[in-house]
Amino acid sequence: RLRVGRLMGARFMVFGGYQVVGKSMRLDLRLVEVETGRVCKTVTRTTPSSSGVTGWLEAAGSAAGEL
């Protein structure tokens, strides 16, 4: 993925994932410098899984804003 970022001329890329465990949903994001592969910043958000897509989108927006 970083190789593709270099070809596109990107300086940074965001990677992440999510998992639902019991009654909570966790979102993890990493801001990575393309040239070096160094992780510049990480952010984690947790929201109740009962909040559904709306809760996930709010958590993702908050995490992205912090990056």
Protein backbone atom coordinates (compact mmCIF):
# COMPACT_ATOMS: atom_id res chain seq x y z
CA ARG A 1 0.00 0.00 0.00
CA LEU A 2 2.82 2.38 0.76
CA ARG A 3 4.33 1.63 -2.65
CA VAL A 4 1.08 2.74 -4.28
CA GLY A 5 1.14 5.88 -2.14
CA ARG A 6 4.65 6.69 -3.36
CA LEU A 7 3.57 6.23 -6.98
CA MET A 8 0.66 8.61 -6.43
CA GLY A 9 2.89 11.20 -4.77
CA ALA A 10 1.15 10.94 -1.40
CA ARG A 11 3.02 12.17 1.69
CA PHE A 12 0.77 10.45 4.24
CA MET A 13 -1.73 7.58 4.28
CA VAL A 14 -4.32 6.55 6.86
CA PHE A 15 -4.74 2.88 7.77
CA GLY A 16 -7.08 1.36 10.27
CA GLY A 17 -9.55 -1.23 11.33
CA TYR A 18 -12.45 -1.88 13.62
CA GLN A 19 -13.76 -4.68 15.78
CA VAL A 20 -16.98 -5.37 17.62
CA VAL A 21 -16.61 -7.16 20.95
CA GLY A 22 -19.68 -7.67 23.09
CA LYS A 23 -21.44 -4.37 23.51
CA SER A 24 -18.64 -2.12 22.24
CA MET A 25 -17.17 -1.22 18.88
CA ARG A 26 -13.51 -0.13 18.66
CA LEU A 27 -11.95 1.89 15.82
CA ASP A 28 -8.16 2.20 15.40
CA LEU A 29 -6.52 4.59 12.90
CA ARG A 30 -2.84 5.15 12.05
CA LEU A 31 -1.33 8.07 10.14
CA VAL A 32 1.72 6.78 8.24
CA GLU A 33 4.42 8.80 6.45
CA VAL A 34 4.68 7.25 2.98
CA GLU A 35 8.36 7.97 2.35
CA THR A 36 9.63 6.30 5.52
CA GLY A 37 6.75 4.04 6.59
CA ARG A 38 6.92 5.66 10.03
CA VAL A 39 3.70 5.74 12.05
CA CYS A 40 3.22 9.43 12.91
CA LYS A 41 0.12 9.17 15.07
CA THR A 42 -2.46 6.65 16.24
CA VAL A 43 -6.01 7.24 17.44
CA THR A 44 -8.49 4.86 19.07
CA ARG A 45 -12.20 5.41 19.60
CA THR A 46 -14.75 3.16 21.31
CA THR A 47 -18.51 3.44 20.99
CA PRO A 48 -21.41 1.22 22.08
CA SER A 49 -22.21 -1.35 19.39
CA SER A 50 -25.91 -0.61 19.91
CA SER A 51 -25.35 2.85 18.35
CA GLY A 52 -24.93 1.15 14.95
CA VAL A 53 -23.63 2.90 11.86
CA THR A 54 -24.38 6.36 13.27
CA GLY A 55 -22.14 5.74 16.27
CA TRP A 56 -19.40 4.28 14.09
CA LEU A 57 -19.49 7.29 11.75
CA GLU A 58 -19.32 9.72 14.67
CA ALA A 59 -16.35 7.83 16.14
CA ALA A 60 -14.63 7.72 12.73
CA GLY A 61 -15.17 11.45 12.20
CA SER A 62 -13.81 12.26 15.65
CA ALA A 63 -10.75 10.04 15.15
CA ALA A 64 -10.05 11.44 11.67
CA GLY A 65 -10.33 14.98 13.01
CA GLU A 66 -7.68 14.21 15.62
CA LEU A 67 -5.27 12.81 13.03
